[in-house]
Amino acid sequence: MPPKILVLPGSNRTGSFNAALAAAVAVELAQQGADVSRISLIDYPLPIVDENLKNESGIPENAMKLGRQIAAHDGVFLCCPEYNSSIPPLLKNMIDWVSLISKDGDKPFKPWAGRYVALGSASNGKFAGIRGLYHVRSVMMNVGTQVISEQCSIGAAASAYDESGNLKDERSQAILSSTCRSLIAHCAMATSMRG
């Protein structure tokens, strides 16, 4: 069975560089043999994390839906915008809500636990969003995922893609391919150990 990998951009902006990166990632993962799903957080609106809301109403249904999506995959590729050298609030809010899930019905349920995660970023800035990935990596390790060493950051993102959505720069494409290859290998190894 090919590894199942979820690709998730951390931006809902029209023309998002990281949504474009997510599309390129999904194509590369599929070409390398993964079973790929790509979703958008615009389809899962969430309130700001609030312990009072959680205690009164429980985990929001969209957080549960995201948690089930994440748990149904062996790995997740997060395409992360950078806000002020850190994690954008949309992405952090989603990560936090999913991390608060402890059960689904009567069954224990921790969606992030044991997932392999790869990180990518795309930005017009000269640092290519890489400063924010340091913070994303720390948060993802804290919620129980295993973040792979390889990552990719795409600079000059407004002109980085051709008309078909492929990366123009060969070096950037090679780094993206390597990151995808590593994520697939980690997920495949985990799948074989479970099987």
C-alpha atoms as a PDB file:
ATOM      1  CA  MET A   1       0.000   0.000   0.000  1.00  0.00           C
ATOM      2  CA  PRO A   2       1.418   3.438  -0.898  1.00  0.00           C
ATOM      3  CA  PRO A   3       1.828   5.860   2.007  1.00  0.00           C
ATOM      4  CA  LYS A   4      -1.118   8.222   2.466  1.00  0.00           C
ATOM      5  CA  ILE A   5      -0.021  11.843   2.703  1.00  0.00           C
ATOM      6  CA  LEU A   6      -2.130  14.921   3.384  1.00  0.00           C
ATOM      7  CA  VAL A   7      -0.968  18.224   1.856  1.00  0.00           C
ATOM      8  CA  LEU A   8      -2.181  21.320   3.650  1.00  0.00           C
ATOM      9  CA  PRO A   9      -1.364  24.972   2.901  1.00  0.00           C
ATOM     10  CA  GLY A  10      -1.490  27.327   5.872  1.00  0.00           C
ATOM     11  CA  SER A  11      -2.998  30.192   3.888  1.00  0.00           C
ATOM     12  CA  ASN A  12      -6.433  30.940   2.454  1.00  0.00           C
ATOM     13  CA  ARG A  13      -5.303  34.036   0.564  1.00  0.00           C
ATOM     14  CA  THR A  14      -6.322  34.304  -3.091  1.00  0.00           C
ATOM     15  CA  GLY A  15      -3.166  33.716  -5.104  1.00  0.00           C
ATOM     16  CA  SER A  16      -1.362  32.301  -2.057  1.00  0.00           C
ATOM     17  CA  PHE A  17       2.261  31.340  -2.731  1.00  0.00           C
ATOM     18  CA  ASN A  18       1.902  28.488  -0.258  1.00  0.00           C
ATOM     19  CA  ALA A  19      -1.244  27.157  -1.912  1.00  0.00           C
ATOM     20  CA  ALA A  20       0.795  27.103  -5.140  1.00  0.00           C
ATOM     21  CA  LEU A  21       3.559  25.258  -3.286  1.00  0.00           C
ATOM     22  CA  ALA A  22       0.996  22.777  -1.946  1.00  0.00           C
ATOM     23  CA  ALA A  23      -0.172  22.082  -5.498  1.00  0.00           C
ATOM     24  CA  ALA A  24       3.427  21.450  -6.623  1.00  0.00           C
ATOM     25  CA  VAL A  25       4.033  19.245  -3.583  1.00  0.00           C
ATOM     26  CA  ALA A  26       0.913  17.183  -4.272  1.00  0.00           C
ATOM     27  CA  VAL A  27       2.021  16.557  -7.865  1.00  0.00           C
ATOM     28  CA  GLU A  28       5.541  15.574  -6.775  1.00  0.00           C
ATOM     29  CA  LEU A  29       4.320  13.230  -4.050  1.00  0.00           C
ATOM     30  CA  ALA A  30       1.922  11.530  -6.461  1.00  0.00           C
ATOM     31  CA  GLN A  31       4.679  11.140  -9.060  1.00  0.00           C
ATOM     32  CA  GLN A  32       6.801   9.477  -6.398  1.00  0.00           C
ATOM     33  CA  GLY A  33       4.028   6.974  -5.646  1.00  0.00           C
ATOM     34  CA  ALA A  34       2.207   8.402  -2.628  1.00  0.00           C
ATOM     35  CA  ASP A  35      -1.562   8.382  -2.182  1.00  0.00           C
ATOM     36  CA  VAL A  36      -2.123  12.144  -1.886  1.00  0.00           C
ATOM     37  CA  SER A  37      -4.972  14.267  -0.557  1.00  0.00           C
ATOM     38  CA  ARG A  38      -4.856  18.065  -0.636  1.00  0.00           C
ATOM     39  CA  ILE A  39      -7.228  20.186   1.418  1.00  0.00           C
ATOM     40  CA  SER A  40      -7.722  23.873   2.158  1.00  0.00           C
ATOM     41  CA  LEU A  41      -8.373  25.385   5.567  1.00  0.00           C
ATOM     42  CA  ILE A  42     -10.964  27.675   3.954  1.00  0.00           C
ATOM     43  CA  ASP A  43     -13.257  24.628   3.984  1.00  0.00           C
ATOM     44  CA  TYR A  44     -12.791  24.189   7.754  1.00  0.00           C
ATOM     45  CA  PRO A  45     -13.434  27.578   9.425  1.00  0.00           C
ATOM     46  CA  LEU A  46     -12.638  27.578  13.128  1.00  0.00           C
ATOM     47  CA  PRO A  47     -13.103  30.014  16.009  1.00  0.00           C
ATOM     48  CA  ILE A  48     -10.031  31.210  17.874  1.00  0.00           C
ATOM     49  CA  VAL A  49      -8.916  28.583  20.402  1.00  0.00           C
ATOM     50  CA  ASP A  50     -10.817  29.291  23.610  1.00  0.00           C
ATOM     51  CA  GLU A  51     -10.840  27.015  26.671  1.00  0.00           C
ATOM     52  CA  ASN A  52     -14.214  28.415  27.752  1.00  0.00           C
ATOM     53  CA  LEU A  53     -15.703  27.539  24.362  1.00  0.00           C
ATOM     54  CA  LYS A  54     -14.129  24.077  24.524  1.00  0.00           C
ATOM     55  CA  ASN A  55     -15.536  23.464  28.007  1.00  0.00           C
ATOM     56  CA  GLU A  56     -19.007  24.728  27.052  1.00  0.00           C
ATOM     57  CA  SER A  57     -19.375  23.288  23.545  1.00  0.00           C
ATOM     58  CA  GLY A  58     -16.592  20.757  23.110  1.00  0.00           C
ATOM     59  CA  ILE A  59     -14.206  20.593  20.172  1.00  0.00           C
ATOM     60  CA  PRO A  60     -15.641  22.357  17.067  1.00  0.00           C
ATOM     61  CA  GLU A  61     -16.895  19.960  14.430  1.00  0.00           C
ATOM     62  CA  ASN A  62     -14.511  21.340  11.810  1.00  0.00           C
ATOM     63  CA  ALA A  63     -11.573  20.621  14.123  1.00  0.00           C
ATOM     64  CA  MET A  64     -12.841  17.050  14.500  1.00  0.00           C
ATOM     65  CA  LYS A  65     -13.148  16.736  10.717  1.00  0.00           C
ATOM     66  CA  LEU A  66      -9.575  17.956  10.317  1.00  0.00           C
ATOM     67  CA  GLY A  67      -8.411  15.605  13.051  1.00  0.00           C
ATOM     68  CA  ARG A  68     -10.000  12.639  11.309  1.00  0.00           C
ATOM     69  CA  GLN A  69      -8.432  13.682   7.999  1.00  0.00           C
ATOM     70  CA  ILE A  70      -5.003  13.943   9.613  1.00  0.00           C
ATOM     71  CA  ALA A  71      -5.340  10.620  11.451  1.00  0.00           C
ATOM     72  CA  ALA A  72      -6.381   8.863   8.223  1.00  0.00           C
ATOM     73  CA  HIS A  73      -2.966   9.682   6.698  1.00  0.00           C
ATOM     74  CA  ASP A  74       0.534   8.465   7.468  1.00  0.00           C
ATOM     75  CA  GLY A  75       2.088  11.881   6.936  1.00  0.00           C
ATOM     76  CA  VAL A  76       1.314  15.550   6.470  1.00  0.00           C
ATOM     77  CA  PHE A  77       3.111  18.117   4.314  1.00  0.00           C
ATOM     78  CA  LEU A  78       2.511  21.611   5.717  1.00  0.00           C
ATOM     79  CA  CYS A  79       3.105  24.578   3.387  1.00  0.00           C
ATOM     80  CA  CYS A  80       3.612  27.455   5.776  1.00  0.00           C
ATOM     81  CA  PRO A  81       3.452  31.202   5.238  1.00  0.00           C
ATOM     82  CA  GLU A  82       5.618  33.358   7.498  1.00  0.00           C
ATOM     83  CA  TYR A  83       4.125  36.200   9.536  1.00  0.00           C
ATOM     84  CA  ASN A  84       6.665  38.372  11.341  1.00  0.00           C
ATOM     85  CA  SER A  85       9.225  35.543  11.281  1.00  0.00           C
ATOM     86  CA  SER A  86       6.744  33.108  12.832  1.00  0.00           C
ATOM     87  CA  ILE A  87       3.603  31.012  12.319  1.00  0.00           C
ATOM     88  CA  PRO A  88       0.515  32.642  10.774  1.00  0.00           C
ATOM     89  CA  PRO A  89      -2.519  32.647  13.090  1.00  0.00           C
ATOM     90  CA  LEU A  90      -4.688  30.564  10.722  1.00  0.00           C
ATOM     91  CA  LEU A  91      -2.207  27.674  10.790  1.00  0.00           C
ATOM     92  CA  LYS A  92      -1.412  27.926  14.505  1.00  0.00           C
ATOM     93  CA  ASN A  93      -5.100  27.989  15.416  1.00  0.00           C
ATOM     94  CA  MET A  94      -5.748  24.823  13.409  1.00  0.00           C
ATOM     95  CA  ILE A  95      -2.752  23.019  14.930  1.00  0.00           C
ATOM     96  CA  ASP A  96      -3.866  24.009  18.423  1.00  0.00           C
ATOM     97  CA  TRP A  97      -7.507  22.954  18.019  1.00  0.00           C
ATOM     98  CA  VAL A  98      -6.490  19.550  16.629  1.00  0.00           C
ATOM     99  CA  SER A  99      -3.993  19.127  19.470  1.00  0.00           C
ATOM    100  CA  LEU A 100      -6.824  19.590  21.993  1.00  0.00           C
ATOM    101  CA  ILE A 101      -8.720  16.559  20.664  1.00  0.00           C
ATOM    102  CA  SER A 102      -8.493  13.643  23.108  1.00  0.00           C
ATOM    103  CA  LYS A 103     -11.334  11.389  22.001  1.00  0.00           C
ATOM    104  CA  ASP A 104     -13.703  10.672  19.131  1.00  0.00           C
ATOM    105  CA  GLY A 105     -16.949   9.468  20.647  1.00  0.00           C
ATOM    106  CA  ASP A 106     -15.902   7.042  23.377  1.00  0.00           C
ATOM    107  CA  LYS A 107     -12.526   6.178  21.830  1.00  0.00           C
ATOM    108  CA  PRO A 108      -9.219   7.837  22.717  1.00  0.00           C
ATOM    109  CA  PHE A 109      -8.097   9.940  19.755  1.00  0.00           C
ATOM    110  CA  LYS A 110      -4.947  12.034  19.294  1.00  0.00           C
ATOM    111  CA  PRO A 111      -4.797  12.939  15.579  1.00  0.00           C
ATOM    112  CA  TRP A 112      -1.255  14.350  15.562  1.00  0.00           C
ATOM    113  CA  ALA A 113       0.299  11.465  17.477  1.00  0.00           C
ATOM    114  CA  GLY A 114       2.746   9.458  15.389  1.00  0.00           C
ATOM    115  CA  ARG A 115       2.256  11.409  12.151  1.00  0.00           C
ATOM    116  CA  TYR A 116       5.317  12.234  10.078  1.00  0.00           C
ATOM    117  CA  VAL A 117       5.399  15.878   8.991  1.00  0.00           C
ATOM    118  CA  ALA A 118       7.348  17.688   6.282  1.00  0.00           C
ATOM    119  CA  LEU A 119       7.583  21.464   6.162  1.00  0.00           C
ATOM    120  CA  GLY A 120       7.765  23.860   3.239  1.00  0.00           C
ATOM    121  CA  SER A 121       7.424  27.602   2.798  1.00  0.00           C
ATOM    122  CA  ALA A 122       7.110  30.048  -0.060  1.00  0.00           C
ATOM    123  CA  SER A 123       7.613  33.788   0.119  1.00  0.00           C
ATOM    124  CA  ASN A 124       8.584  36.730  -2.032  1.00  0.00           C
ATOM    125  CA  GLY A 125      11.085  37.729   0.649  1.00  0.00           C
ATOM    126  CA  LYS A 126      14.771  36.886   0.455  1.00  0.00           C
ATOM    127  CA  PHE A 127      14.542  34.434   3.365  1.00  0.00           C
ATOM    128  CA  ALA A 128      11.816  32.433   1.546  1.00  0.00           C
ATOM    129  CA  GLY A 129       9.755  31.984   4.708  1.00  0.00           C
ATOM    130  CA  ILE A 130      12.394  29.801   6.339  1.00  0.00           C
ATOM    131  CA  ARG A 131      12.454  31.780   9.607  1.00  0.00           C
ATOM    132  CA  GLY A 132       8.861  30.802  10.323  1.00  0.00           C
ATOM    133  CA  LEU A 133       9.601  27.098   9.796  1.00  0.00           C
ATOM    134  CA  TYR A 134      11.793  27.034  12.885  1.00  0.00           C
ATOM    135  CA  HIS A 135       8.726  27.897  14.976  1.00  0.00           C
ATOM    136  CA  VAL A 136       6.426  25.522  13.078  1.00  0.00           C
ATOM    137  CA  ARG A 137       8.929  22.695  13.619  1.00  0.00           C
ATOM    138  CA  SER A 138       9.014  23.360  17.365  1.00  0.00           C
ATOM    139  CA  VAL A 139       5.223  23.428  17.659  1.00  0.00           C
ATOM    140  CA  MET A 140       4.728  20.279  15.584  1.00  0.00           C
ATOM    141  CA  MET A 141       7.242  18.337  17.652  1.00  0.00           C
ATOM    142  CA  ASN A 142       5.428  19.489  20.792  1.00  0.00           C
ATOM    143  CA  VAL A 143       2.052  18.123  19.598  1.00  0.00           C
ATOM    144  CA  GLY A 144       3.449  14.632  19.036  1.00  0.00           C
ATOM    145  CA  THR A 145       4.449  14.504  15.376  1.00  0.00           C
ATOM    146  CA  GLN A 146       7.815  13.493  13.989  1.00  0.00           C
ATOM    147  CA  VAL A 147       9.098  16.312  11.795  1.00  0.00           C
ATOM    148  CA  ILE A 148      11.563  15.131   9.151  1.00  0.00           C
ATOM    149  CA  SER A 149      14.900  16.908   8.764  1.00  0.00           C
ATOM    150  CA  GLU A 150      14.449  17.880   5.129  1.00  0.00           C
ATOM    151  CA  GLN A 151      12.419  20.958   4.290  1.00  0.00           C
ATOM    152  CA  CYS A 152      12.028  23.265   1.311  1.00  0.00           C
ATOM    153  CA  SER A 153      11.691  27.036   1.071  1.00  0.00           C
ATOM    154  CA  ILE A 154      10.862  28.834  -2.158  1.00  0.00           C
ATOM    155  CA  GLY A 155      11.981  32.455  -2.555  1.00  0.00           C
ATOM    156  CA  ALA A 156      10.841  35.002  -5.156  1.00  0.00           C
ATOM    157  CA  ALA A 157       7.603  33.022  -5.052  1.00  0.00           C
ATOM    158  CA  ALA A 158       5.599  35.398  -7.270  1.00  0.00           C
ATOM    159  CA  SER A 159       7.670  34.280 -10.248  1.00  0.00           C
ATOM    160  CA  ALA A 160       8.788  30.837  -9.030  1.00  0.00           C
ATOM    161  CA  TYR A 161       6.158  28.785 -10.879  1.00  0.00           C
ATOM    162  CA  ASP A 162       5.550  28.261 -14.585  1.00  0.00           C
ATOM    163  CA  GLU A 163       2.093  28.287 -16.211  1.00  0.00           C
ATOM    164  CA  SER A 164       1.599  24.626 -15.278  1.00  0.00           C
ATOM    165  CA  GLY A 165       2.408  25.263 -11.614  1.00  0.00           C
ATOM    166  CA  ASN A 166       5.850  23.662 -11.726  1.00  0.00           C
ATOM    167  CA  LEU A 167       8.870  25.248 -10.090  1.00  0.00           C
ATOM    168  CA  LYS A 168      11.100  26.917 -12.666  1.00  0.00           C
ATOM    169  CA  ASP A 169      14.309  26.722 -10.657  1.00  0.00           C
ATOM    170  CA  GLU A 170      15.987  23.308 -10.892  1.00  0.00           C
ATOM    171  CA  ARG A 171      17.644  23.595  -7.491  1.00  0.00           C
ATOM    172  CA  SER A 172      14.337  24.431  -5.795  1.00  0.00           C
ATOM    173  CA  GLN A 173      12.657  21.521  -7.568  1.00  0.00           C
ATOM    174  CA  ALA A 174      15.446  19.174  -6.468  1.00  0.00           C
ATOM    175  CA  ILE A 175      15.046  20.251  -2.835  1.00  0.00           C
ATOM    176  CA  LEU A 176      11.272  19.816  -3.076  1.00  0.00           C
ATOM    177  CA  SER A 177      11.718  16.351  -4.606  1.00  0.00           C
ATOM    178  CA  SER A 178      14.172  15.360  -1.885  1.00  0.00           C
ATOM    179  CA  THR A 179      11.825  16.517   0.874  1.00  0.00           C
ATOM    180  CA  CYS A 180       8.929  14.562  -0.652  1.00  0.00           C
ATOM    181  CA  ARG A 181      11.122  11.477  -1.064  1.00  0.00           C
ATOM    182  CA  SER A 182      12.160  11.591   2.589  1.00  0.00           C
ATOM    183  CA  LEU A 183       8.575  12.020   3.816  1.00  0.00           C
ATOM    184  CA  ILE A 184       7.425   9.059   1.718  1.00  0.00           C
ATOM    185  CA  ALA A 185      10.319   6.924   2.998  1.00  0.00           C
ATOM    186  CA  HIS A 186       9.564   7.728   6.642  1.00  0.00           C
ATOM    187  CA  CYS A 187       5.839   7.031   6.159  1.00  0.00           C
ATOM    188  CA  ALA A 188       6.525   3.768   4.282  1.00  0.00           C
ATOM    189  CA  MET A 189       8.853   2.580   7.026  1.00  0.00           C
ATOM    190  CA  ALA A 190       6.254   3.333   9.705  1.00  0.00           C
ATOM    191  CA  THR A 191       3.545   1.572   7.673  1.00  0.00           C
ATOM    192  CA  SER A 192       5.663  -1.540   7.220  1.00  0.00           C
ATOM    193  CA  MET A 193       6.458  -1.667  10.949  1.00  0.00           C
ATOM    194  CA  ARG A 194       2.756  -1.436  11.812  1.00  0.00           C
ATOM    195  CA  GLY A 195       1.880  -4.059   9.215  1.00  0.00           C
END
